[in-house]
PDB file of N, CA and C in Angstrom:
ATOM      1  N   MET A   1      -7.932  -3.045  -9.085  1.00  0.00           N
ATOM      2  CA  MET A   1      -6.665  -3.714  -9.097  1.00  0.00           C
ATOM      3  C   MET A   1      -6.232  -3.921  -7.652  1.00  0.00           C
ATOM      4  N   SER A   2      -5.753  -5.101  -7.372  1.00  0.00           N
ATOM      5  CA  SER A   2      -5.336  -5.379  -6.010  1.00  0.00           C
ATOM      6  C   SER A   2      -3.953  -4.783  -5.758  1.00  0.00           C
ATOM      7  N   ILE A   3      -3.697  -4.511  -4.506  1.00  0.00           N
ATOM      8  CA  ILE A   3      -2.424  -3.911  -4.110  1.00  0.00           C
ATOM      9  C   ILE A   3      -1.272  -4.871  -4.390  1.00  0.00           C
ATOM     10  N   GLY A   4      -1.492  -6.152  -4.137  1.00  0.00           N
ATOM     11  CA  GLY A   4      -0.442  -7.146  -4.378  1.00  0.00           C
ATOM     12  C   GLY A   4      -0.040  -7.209  -5.832  1.00  0.00           C
ATOM     13  N   ARG A   5      -1.011  -7.141  -6.724  1.00  0.00           N
ATOM     14  CA  ARG A   5      -0.696  -7.163  -8.152  1.00  0.00           C
ATOM     15  C   ARG A   5       0.067  -5.911  -8.558  1.00  0.00           C
ATOM     16  N   PHE A   6      -0.310  -4.776  -7.991  1.00  0.00           N
ATOM     17  CA  PHE A   6       0.389  -3.535  -8.299  1.00  0.00           C
ATOM     18  C   PHE A   6       1.852  -3.629  -7.897  1.00  0.00           C
ATOM     19  N   VAL A   7       2.107  -4.071  -6.677  1.00  0.00           N
ATOM     20  CA  VAL A   7       3.481  -4.161  -6.176  1.00  0.00           C
ATOM     21  C   VAL A   7       4.273  -5.173  -6.998  1.00  0.00           C
ATOM     22  N   ALA A   8       3.674  -6.311  -7.320  1.00  0.00           N
ATOM     23  CA  ALA A   8       4.363  -7.324  -8.118  1.00  0.00           C
ATOM     24  C   ALA A   8       4.685  -6.778  -9.510  1.00  0.00           C
ATOM     25  N   GLY A   9       3.733  -6.105 -10.135  1.00  0.00           N
ATOM     26  CA  GLY A   9       3.965  -5.519 -11.454  1.00  0.00           C
ATOM     27  C   GLY A   9       5.034  -4.451 -11.411  1.00  0.00           C
ATOM     28  N   PHE A  10       5.018  -3.647 -10.358  1.00  0.00           N
ATOM     29  CA  PHE A  10       6.032  -2.606 -10.180  1.00  0.00           C
ATOM     30  C   PHE A  10       7.419  -3.224 -10.072  1.00  0.00           C
ATOM     31  N   ALA A  11       7.548  -4.245  -9.259  1.00  0.00           N
ATOM     32  CA  ALA A  11       8.846  -4.891  -9.049  1.00  0.00           C
ATOM     33  C   ALA A  11       9.344  -5.558 -10.331  1.00  0.00           C
ATOM     34  N   ILE A  12       8.476  -6.291 -11.007  1.00  0.00           N
ATOM     35  CA  ILE A  12       8.870  -6.981 -12.230  1.00  0.00           C
ATOM     36  C   ILE A  12       9.249  -5.976 -13.313  1.00  0.00           C
ATOM     37  N   GLY A  13       8.447  -4.924 -13.442  1.00  0.00           N
ATOM     38  CA  GLY A  13       8.755  -3.894 -14.434  1.00  0.00           C
ATOM     39  C   GLY A  13      10.088  -3.218 -14.163  1.00  0.00           C
ATOM     40  N   SER A  14      10.379  -2.958 -12.908  1.00  0.00           N
ATOM     41  CA  SER A  14      11.656  -2.336 -12.547  1.00  0.00           C
ATOM     42  C   SER A  14      12.827  -3.247 -12.876  1.00  0.00           C
ATOM     43  N   ILE A  15      12.686  -4.518 -12.566  1.00  0.00           N
ATOM     44  CA  ILE A  15      13.764  -5.477 -12.838  1.00  0.00           C
ATOM     45  C   ILE A  15      13.997  -5.626 -14.331  1.00  0.00           C
ATOM     46  N   VAL A  16      12.930  -5.814 -15.087  1.00  0.00           N
ATOM     47  CA  VAL A  16      13.061  -5.977 -16.536  1.00  0.00           C
ATOM     48  C   VAL A  16      13.663  -4.720 -17.161  1.00  0.00           C
ATOM     49  N   GLY A  17      13.180  -3.550 -16.740  1.00  0.00           N
ATOM     50  CA  GLY A  17      13.728  -2.302 -17.263  1.00  0.00           C
ATOM     51  C   GLY A  17      15.200  -2.148 -16.950  1.00  0.00           C
ATOM     52  N   GLY A  18      15.584  -2.522 -15.748  1.00  0.00           N
ATOM     53  CA  GLY A  18      16.994  -2.444 -15.375  1.00  0.00           C
ATOM     54  C   GLY A  18      17.867  -3.366 -16.199  1.00  0.00           C
ATOM     55  N   ILE A  19      17.415  -4.589 -16.410  1.00  0.00           N
ATOM     56  CA  ILE A  19      18.183  -5.555 -17.199  1.00  0.00           C
ATOM     57  C   ILE A  19      18.323  -5.089 -18.643  1.00  0.00           C
ATOM     58  N   ILE A  20      17.241  -4.614 -19.225  1.00  0.00           N
ATOM     59  CA  ILE A  20      17.291  -4.122 -20.607  1.00  0.00           C
ATOM     60  C   ILE A  20      18.243  -2.937 -20.707  1.00  0.00           C
ATOM     61  N   GLY A  21      18.182  -2.048 -19.734  1.00  0.00           N
ATOM     62  CA  GLY A  21      19.086  -0.900 -19.738  1.00  0.00           C
ATOM     63  C   GLY A  21      20.541  -1.309 -19.672  1.00  0.00           C
ATOM     64  N   ILE A  22      20.856  -2.306 -18.869  1.00  0.00           N
ATOM     65  CA  ILE A  22      22.239  -2.780 -18.745  1.00  0.00           C
ATOM     66  C   ILE A  22      22.704  -3.418 -20.050  1.00  0.00           C
ATOM     67  N   LEU A  23      21.845  -4.230 -20.635  1.00  0.00           N
ATOM     68  CA  LEU A  23      22.238  -4.938 -21.859  1.00  0.00           C
ATOM     69  C   LEU A  23      22.410  -4.008 -23.057  1.00  0.00           C
ATOM     70  N   LEU A  24      21.675  -2.945 -23.101  1.00  0.00           N
ATOM     71  CA  LEU A  24      21.722  -2.056 -24.259  1.00  0.00           C
ATOM     72  C   LEU A  24      22.707  -0.896 -24.097  1.00  0.00           C
ATOM     73  N   ALA A  25      23.231  -0.681 -22.928  1.00  0.00           N
ATOM     74  CA  ALA A  25      24.134   0.441 -22.689  1.00  0.00           C
ATOM     75  C   ALA A  25      25.590   0.003 -22.846  1.00  0.00           C
ATOM     76  N   PRO A  26      26.286   0.557 -23.832  1.00  0.00           N
ATOM     77  CA  PRO A  26      27.712   0.206 -24.011  1.00  0.00           C
ATOM     78  C   PRO A  26      28.578   1.036 -23.058  1.00  0.00           C
ATOM     79  N   GLN A  27      28.853   0.483 -21.897  1.00  0.00           N
ATOM     80  CA  GLN A  27      29.633   1.191 -20.887  1.00  0.00           C
ATOM     81  C   GLN A  27      30.710   0.281 -20.334  1.00  0.00           C
ATOM     82  N   SER A  28      31.642   0.898 -19.622  1.00  0.00           N
ATOM     83  CA  SER A  28      32.679   0.107 -18.966  1.00  0.00           C
ATOM     84  C   SER A  28      32.084  -0.581 -17.740  1.00  0.00           C
ATOM     85  N   GLY A  29      32.824  -1.520 -17.202  1.00  0.00           N
ATOM     86  CA  GLY A  29      32.355  -2.246 -16.024  1.00  0.00           C
ATOM     87  C   GLY A  29      32.122  -1.331 -14.838  1.00  0.00           C
ATOM     88  N   GLU A  30      33.025  -0.376 -14.631  1.00  0.00           N
ATOM     89  CA  GLU A  30      32.885   0.543 -13.505  1.00  0.00           C
ATOM     90  C   GLU A  30      31.648   1.415 -13.670  1.00  0.00           C
ATOM     91  N   GLU A  31      31.427   1.903 -14.875  1.00  0.00           N
ATOM     92  CA  GLU A  31      30.238   2.723 -15.133  1.00  0.00           C
ATOM     93  C   GLU A  31      28.969   1.914 -14.951  1.00  0.00           C
ATOM     94  N   THR A  32      29.008   0.663 -15.390  1.00  0.00           N
ATOM     95  CA  THR A  32      27.843  -0.208 -15.250  1.00  0.00           C
ATOM     96  C   THR A  32      27.546  -0.474 -13.784  1.00  0.00           C
ATOM     97  N   ARG A  33      28.598  -0.737 -12.975  1.00  0.00           N
ATOM     98  CA  ARG A  33      28.393  -0.961 -11.546  1.00  0.00           C
ATOM     99  C   ARG A  33      27.826   0.276 -10.861  1.00  0.00           C
ATOM    100  N   GLU A  34      28.315   1.443 -11.248  1.00  0.00           N
ATOM    101  CA  GLU A  34      27.786   2.680 -10.671  1.00  0.00           C
ATOM    102  C   GLU A  34      26.333   2.880 -11.071  1.00  0.00           C
ATOM    103  N   MET A  35      26.035   2.582 -12.348  1.00  0.00           N
ATOM    104  CA  MET A  35      24.653   2.707 -12.800  1.00  0.00           C
ATOM    105  C   MET A  35      23.756   1.724 -12.048  1.00  0.00           C
ATOM    106  N   LEU A  36      24.225   0.493 -11.862  1.00  0.00           N
ATOM    107  CA  LEU A  36      23.449  -0.500 -11.121  1.00  0.00           C
ATOM    108  C   LEU A  36      23.201  -0.039  -9.691  1.00  0.00           C
ATOM    109  N   SER A  37      24.200   0.516  -9.078  1.00  0.00           N
ATOM    110  CA  SER A  37      24.046   1.014  -7.714  1.00  0.00           C
ATOM    111  C   SER A  37      23.008   2.129  -7.664  1.00  0.00           C
ATOM    112  N   ASP A  38      23.100   3.064  -8.602  1.00  0.00           N
ATOM    113  CA  ASP A  38      22.137   4.168  -8.643  1.00  0.00           C
ATOM    114  C   ASP A  38      20.719   3.660  -8.891  1.00  0.00           C
ATOM    115  N   LYS A  39      20.578   2.750  -9.844  1.00  0.00           N
ATOM    116  CA  LYS A  39      19.252   2.225 -10.171  1.00  0.00           C
ATOM    117  C   LYS A  39      18.673   1.421  -9.018  1.00  0.00           C
ATOM    118  N   SER A  40      19.520   0.656  -8.335  1.00  0.00           N
ATOM    119  CA  SER A  40      19.004  -0.137  -7.214  1.00  0.00           C
ATOM    120  C   SER A  40      18.532   0.785  -6.090  1.00  0.00           C
ATOM    121  N   LYS A  41      19.253   1.880  -5.860  1.00  0.00           N
ATOM    122  CA  LYS A  41      18.804   2.850  -4.858  1.00  0.00           C
ATOM    123  C   LYS A  41      17.492   3.485  -5.281  1.00  0.00           C
ATOM    124  N   GLU A  42      17.383   3.792  -6.573  1.00  0.00           N
ATOM    125  CA  GLU A  42      16.148   4.397  -7.095  1.00  0.00           C
ATOM    126  C   GLU A  42      14.969   3.439  -6.943  1.00  0.00           C
ATOM    127  N   ILE A  43      15.196   2.176  -7.248  1.00  0.00           N
ATOM    128  CA  ILE A  43      14.131   1.172  -7.123  1.00  0.00           C
ATOM    129  C   ILE A  43      13.726   1.006  -5.659  1.00  0.00           C
ATOM    130  N   CYS A  44      14.705   0.991  -4.773  1.00  0.00           N
ATOM    131  CA  CYS A  44      14.396   0.875  -3.336  1.00  0.00           C
ATOM    132  C   CYS A  44      13.582   2.071  -2.861  1.00  0.00           C
ATOM    133  N   ASP A  45      13.951   3.265  -3.321  1.00  0.00           N
ATOM    134  CA  ASP A  45      13.198   4.460  -2.940  1.00  0.00           C
ATOM    135  C   ASP A  45      11.768   4.391  -3.454  1.00  0.00           C
ATOM    136  N   LYS A  46      11.598   3.963  -4.702  1.00  0.00           N
ATOM    137  CA  LYS A  46      10.250   3.858  -5.270  1.00  0.00           C
ATOM    138  C   LYS A  46       9.430   2.801  -4.536  1.00  0.00           C
ATOM    139  N   ALA A  47      10.059   1.687  -4.213  1.00  0.00           N
ATOM    140  CA  ALA A  47       9.350   0.632  -3.483  1.00  0.00           C
ATOM    141  C   ALA A  47       8.958   1.131  -2.093  1.00  0.00           C
ATOM    142  N   HIS A  48       9.856   1.863  -1.452  1.00  0.00           N
ATOM    143  CA  HIS A  48       9.552   2.420  -0.125  1.00  0.00           C
ATOM    144  C   HIS A  48       8.377   3.394  -0.219  1.00  0.00           C
ATOM    145  N   ASP A  49       8.387   4.239  -1.255  1.00  0.00           N
ATOM    146  CA  ASP A  49       7.287   5.186  -1.442  1.00  0.00           C
ATOM    147  C   ASP A  49       5.968   4.456  -1.678  1.00  0.00           C
ATOM    148  N   ALA A  50       6.016   3.384  -2.495  1.00  0.00           N
ATOM    149  CA  ALA A  50       4.807   2.622  -2.779  1.00  0.00           C
ATOM    150  C   ALA A  50       4.272   1.966  -1.504  1.00  0.00           C
ATOM    151  N   VAL A  51       5.161   1.399  -0.708  1.00  0.00           N
ATOM    152  CA  VAL A  51       4.744   0.761   0.542  1.00  0.00           C
ATOM    153  C   VAL A  51       4.169   1.798   1.498  1.00  0.00           C
ATOM    154  N   SER A  52       4.802   2.968   1.570  1.00  0.00           N
ATOM    155  CA  SER A  52       4.291   4.031   2.439  1.00  0.00           C
ATOM    156  C   SER A  52       2.897   4.478   2.013  1.00  0.00           C
ATOM    157  N   GLU A  53       2.704   4.605   0.694  1.00  0.00           N
ATOM    158  CA  GLU A  53       1.391   5.005   0.181  1.00  0.00           C
ATOM    159  C   GLU A  53       0.337   3.951   0.499  1.00  0.00           C
ATOM    160  N   ILE A  54       0.686   2.704   0.305  1.00  0.00           N
ATOM    161  CA  ILE A  54      -0.241   1.609   0.598  1.00  0.00           C
ATOM    162  C   ILE A  54      -0.580   1.588   2.085  1.00  0.00           C
ATOM    163  N   GLN A  55       0.432   1.785   2.921  1.00  0.00           N
ATOM    164  CA  GLN A  55       0.208   1.790   4.364  1.00  0.00           C
ATOM    165  C   GLN A  55      -0.694   2.955   4.764  1.00  0.00           C
ATOM    166  N   HIS A  56      -0.475   4.112   4.153  1.00  0.00           N
ATOM    167  CA  HIS A  56      -1.303   5.285   4.451  1.00  0.00           C
ATOM    168  C   HIS A  56      -2.759   5.022   4.063  1.00  0.00           C
ATOM    169  N   LYS A  57      -2.964   4.431   2.884  1.00  0.00           N
ATOM    170  CA  LYS A  57      -4.329   4.116   2.444  1.00  0.00           C
ATOM    171  C   LYS A  57      -4.962   3.084   3.365  1.00  0.00           C
ATOM    172  N   ALA A  58      -4.192   2.081   3.753  1.00  0.00           N
ATOM    173  CA  ALA A  58      -4.721   1.043   4.646  1.00  0.00           C
ATOM    174  C   ALA A  58      -5.094   1.634   5.997  1.00  0.00           C
ATOM    175  N   ASP A  59      -4.267   2.549   6.500  1.00  0.00           N
ATOM    176  CA  ASP A  59      -4.587   3.201   7.773  1.00  0.00           C
ATOM    177  C   ASP A  59      -5.897   3.970   7.671  1.00  0.00           C
ATOM    178  N   GLY A  60      -6.102   4.652   6.541  1.00  0.00           N
ATOM    179  CA  GLY A  60      -7.342   5.387   6.330  1.00  0.00           C
ATOM    180  C   GLY A  60      -8.551   4.466   6.289  1.00  0.00           C
ATOM    181  N   ILE A  61      -8.399   3.339   5.629  1.00  0.00           N
ATOM    182  CA  ILE A  61      -9.493   2.376   5.523  1.00  0.00           C
ATOM    183  C   ILE A  61      -9.827   1.804   6.902  1.00  0.00           C
ATOM    184  N   VAL A  62      -8.798   1.451   7.665  1.00  0.00           N
ATOM    185  CA  VAL A  62      -9.019   0.900   9.005  1.00  0.00           C
ATOM    186  C   VAL A  62      -9.709   1.930   9.893  1.00  0.00           C
ATOM    187  N   SER A  63      -9.252   3.172   9.813  1.00  0.00           N
ATOM    188  CA  SER A  63      -9.858   4.233  10.614  1.00  0.00           C
ATOM    189  C   SER A  63     -11.328   4.425  10.240  1.00  0.00           C
ATOM    190  N   ASP A  64     -11.610   4.416   8.946  1.00  0.00           N
ATOM    191  CA  ASP A  64     -12.986   4.567   8.476  1.00  0.00           C
ATOM    192  C   ASP A  64     -13.856   3.408   8.951  1.00  0.00           C
ATOM    193  N   MET A  65     -13.336   2.196   8.848  1.00  0.00           N
ATOM    194  CA  MET A  65     -14.091   1.031   9.300  1.00  0.00           C
ATOM    195  C   MET A  65     -14.335   1.083  10.807  1.00  0.00           C
ATOM    196  N   GLN A  66     -13.354   1.552  11.552  1.00  0.00           N
ATOM    197  CA  GLN A  66     -13.507   1.640  12.998  1.00  0.00           C
ATOM    198  C   GLN A  66     -14.587   2.650  13.362  1.00  0.00           C
ATOM    199  N   SER A  67     -14.606   3.800  12.688  1.00  0.00           N
ATOM    200  CA  SER A  67     -15.631   4.801  13.011  1.00  0.00           C
ATOM    201  C   SER A  67     -17.016   4.301  12.618  1.00  0.00           C
ATOM    202  N   LYS A  68     -17.122   3.594  11.502  1.00  0.00           N
ATOM    203  CA  LYS A  68     -18.417   3.034  11.107  1.00  0.00           C
ATOM    204  C   LYS A  68     -18.858   1.952  12.086  1.00  0.00           C
ATOM    205  N   GLY A  69     -17.913   1.171  12.576  1.00  0.00           N
ATOM    206  CA  GLY A  69     -18.232   0.162  13.586  1.00  0.00           C
ATOM    207  C   GLY A  69     -18.717   0.802  14.872  1.00  0.00           C
ATOM    208  N   ASP A  70     -18.073   1.897  15.263  1.00  0.00           N
ATOM    209  CA  ASP A  70     -18.505   2.620  16.466  1.00  0.00           C
ATOM    210  C   ASP A  70     -19.909   3.179  16.294  1.00  0.00           C
ATOM    211  N   GLU A  71     -20.209   3.706  15.098  1.00  0.00           N
ATOM    212  CA  GLU A  71     -21.556   4.216  14.821  1.00  0.00           C
ATOM    213  C   GLU A  71     -22.588   3.095  14.914  1.00  0.00           C
ATOM    214  N   LEU A  72     -22.252   1.948  14.348  1.00  0.00           N
ATOM    215  CA  LEU A  72     -23.162   0.805  14.374  1.00  0.00           C
ATOM    216  C   LEU A  72     -23.421   0.349  15.807  1.00  0.00           C
ATOM    217  N   ILE A  73     -22.383   0.279  16.613  1.00  0.00           N
ATOM    218  CA  ILE A  73     -22.541  -0.119  18.013  1.00  0.00           C
ATOM    219  C   ILE A  73     -23.435   0.874  18.747  1.00  0.00           C
ATOM    220  N   SER A  74     -23.224   2.163  18.479  1.00  0.00           N
ATOM    221  CA  SER A  74     -24.037   3.194  19.117  1.00  0.00           C
ATOM    222  C   SER A  74     -25.516   3.044  18.728  1.00  0.00           C
ATOM    223  N   LYS A  75     -25.773   2.817  17.449  1.00  0.00           N
ATOM    224  CA  LYS A  75     -27.159   2.653  16.993  1.00  0.00           C
ATOM    225  C   LYS A  75     -27.796   1.398  17.585  1.00  0.00           C
ATOM    226  N   LEU A  76     -27.032   0.328  17.660  1.00  0.00           N
ATOM    227  CA  LEU A  76     -27.553  -0.906  18.259  1.00  0.00           C
ATOM    228  C   LEU A  76     -27.861  -0.697  19.733  1.00  0.00           C
ATOM    229  N   GLN A  77     -27.009   0.043  20.424  1.00  0.00           N
ATOM    230  CA  GLN A  77     -27.242   0.323  21.839  1.00  0.00           C
ATOM    231  C   GLN A  77     -28.519   1.134  22.010  1.00  0.00           C
ATOM    232  N   GLU A  78     -28.751   2.097  21.116  1.00  0.00           N
ATOM    233  CA  GLU A  78     -29.979   2.893  21.167  1.00  0.00           C
ATOM    234  C   GLU A  78     -31.207   2.007  20.979  1.00  0.00           C
ATOM    235  N   VAL A  79     -31.142   1.094  20.027  1.00  0.00           N
ATOM    236  CA  VAL A  79     -32.268   0.194  19.765  1.00  0.00           C
ATOM    237  C   VAL A  79     -32.523  -0.693  20.981  1.00  0.00           C
ATOM    238  N   ILE A  80     -31.461  -1.207  21.572  1.00  0.00           N
ATOM    239  CA  ILE A  80     -31.605  -2.056  22.758  1.00  0.00           C
ATOM    240  C   ILE A  80     -32.227  -1.271  23.904  1.00  0.00           C
ATOM    241  N   ASN A  81     -31.759  -0.046  24.108  1.00  0.00           N
ATOM    242  CA  ASN A  81     -32.306   0.789  25.178  1.00  0.00           C
ATOM    243  C   ASN A  81     -33.779   1.110  24.935  1.00  0.00           C
ATOM    244  N   LYS A  82     -34.147   1.400  23.706  1.00  0.00           N
ATOM    245  CA  LYS A  82     -35.554   1.672  23.385  1.00  0.00           C
ATOM    246  C   LYS A  82     -36.406   0.437  23.650  1.00  0.00           C
ATOM    247  N   GLN A  83     -35.879  -0.715  23.266  1.00  0.00           N
ATOM    248  CA  GLN A  83     -36.612  -1.971  23.480  1.00  0.00           C
ATOM    249  C   GLN A  83     -36.809  -2.232  24.971  1.00  0.00           C
ATOM    250  N   LYS A  84     -35.784  -1.967  25.782  1.00  0.00           N
ATOM    251  CA  LYS A  84     -35.897  -2.157  27.235  1.00  0.00           C
ATOM    252  C   LYS A  84     -36.940  -1.215  27.812  1.00  0.00           C
ATOM    253  N   ASN A  85     -36.925   0.039  27.344  1.00  0.00           N
ATOM    254  CA  ASN A  85     -37.877   1.042  27.836  1.00  0.00           C
ATOM    255  C   ASN A  85     -39.322   0.670  27.498  1.00  0.00           C
ATOM    256  N   THR A  86     -39.545   0.119  26.309  1.00  0.00           N
ATOM    257  CA  THR A  86     -40.907  -0.253  25.928  1.00  0.00           C
ATOM    258  C   THR A  86     -41.369  -1.502  26.696  1.00  0.00           C
ATOM    259  N   GLU A  87     -40.463  -2.380  27.041  1.00  0.00           N
ATOM    260  CA  GLU A  87     -40.807  -3.583  27.808  1.00  0.00           C
ATOM    261  C   GLU A  87     -41.137  -3.234  29.262  1.00  0.00           C
ATOM    262  N   GLU A  88     -40.489  -2.210  29.785  1.00  0.00           N
ATOM    263  CA  GLU A  88     -40.694  -1.823  31.187  1.00  0.00           C
ATOM    264  C   GLU A  88     -42.046  -1.154  31.371  1.00  0.00           C
ATOM    265  N   VAL A  89     -42.573  -0.560  30.333  1.00  0.00           N
ATOM    266  CA  VAL A  89     -43.837   0.179  30.459  1.00  0.00           C
ATOM    267  C   VAL A  89     -44.985  -0.733  30.434  1.00  0.00           C
TER     268      VAL A  89
END
C-alpha cells in the first residue's frame, strides 16, 4: 500500500466518521461545537503522528540507500584499483 493512499484513506475516514458522529448525536449547539473542537484536535494529532511515522520510515530508507550506495562505490573503487594494478604489471 502506498503512503499517499494510506494518508488519503485516513483523512477521508476521519472526516466521514466525524460527520456521521455529528449527525447522529442529539446535542446542543454548544456541546456540538465543543465536540467538533475536540475531534478536530484529535484528528490533527493523529495526522501529525502519521506524518511523523512516515517521515521516520523515509529517513530510515534514505539512510539505508545511502549506506548501500557507499558500499557500491567502495566495491567499484576496489575493482578499478585492481584493474589498474593488473594493467601496470
